[in-house]
Protein backbone atom coordinates (compact mmCIF):
# COMPACT_ATOMS: atom_id res chain seq x y z
CA MET A 1 12.41 -4.50 14.17
CA THR A 2 14.66 -7.69 13.51
CA GLY A 3 11.47 -10.01 13.33
CA ARG A 4 10.24 -8.31 10.17
CA LYS A 5 13.59 -7.62 8.92
CA ALA A 6 13.36 -11.80 9.31
CA LEU A 7 9.90 -12.44 8.20
CA TRP A 8 10.55 -9.96 4.71
CA SER A 9 13.41 -11.93 4.40
CA ALA A 10 11.76 -15.03 4.40
CA ILE A 11 9.48 -14.09 2.53
CA GLY A 12 12.04 -12.92 -0.30
CA MET A 13 14.23 -16.06 -0.53
CA GLY A 14 10.34 -18.41 -0.73
CA ALA A 15 9.04 -16.33 -3.24
CA ALA A 16 12.44 -16.75 -5.42
CA TYR A 17 12.38 -20.00 -4.52
CA LEU A 18 9.07 -20.27 -5.90
CA MET A 19 9.88 -18.54 -9.50
CA ARG A 20 12.90 -20.63 -9.31
CA ASN A 21 11.28 -24.13 -9.09
CA LYS A 22 7.92 -25.18 -11.21
CA SER A 23 7.30 -27.53 -9.11
CA ALA A 24 7.18 -26.64 -5.98
CA ARG A 25 4.94 -23.48 -7.24
CA ASP A 26 2.72 -26.04 -8.89
CA LYS A 27 2.42 -27.96 -5.72
CA VAL A 28 1.58 -24.37 -3.79
CA ILE A 29 -1.27 -23.40 -6.13
CA SER A 30 -2.45 -27.10 -5.63
CA GLN A 31 -3.28 -26.51 -2.41
CA VAL A 32 -4.65 -22.30 -1.95
CA ARG A 33 -6.81 -24.31 -4.87
CA ARG A 34 -8.03 -27.10 -2.14
CA VAL A 35 -8.05 -24.59 0.60
CA ALA A 36 -10.14 -22.17 -1.31
CA THR A 37 -12.49 -24.65 -2.75
CA SER A 38 -12.64 -25.93 0.94
CA MET A 39 -13.09 -22.79 2.03
CA ARG A 40 -16.20 -21.86 -0.14
CA ASP A 41 -17.69 -25.79 0.07
CA LYS A 42 -18.47 -24.67 3.66
CA LYS A 43 -19.42 -21.22 3.10
CA ASN A 44 -22.23 -22.28 0.73
CA GLY A 45 -22.76 -25.40 2.90
CA ASN A 46 -21.83 -28.09 0.72
CA SER A 47 -20.34 -31.09 3.01
CA SER A 48 -18.57 -33.13 -0.31
CA ASN A 49 -15.38 -34.57 1.57
CA THR A 50 -13.73 -35.18 -1.25
CA THR A 51 -9.55 -35.75 -1.50
CA ASN A 52 -7.51 -34.79 -3.94
CA ASN A 53 -4.08 -36.02 -2.82
CA ASN A 54 -2.08 -33.81 -5.70
CA TYR A 55 0.72 -32.78 -3.35
């Protein structure tokens, strides 16, 4: 039970940090989009290795 409390506390603190810090929020959003695009390309069989270093 202690592990779950620690996990939820970490999630809550991270969410609060992202709500207050726009640059961190934008960084996370761009990373999630990059991963989603990569996963979609793998699923569709595209092997384009374009790199976007916006972090």
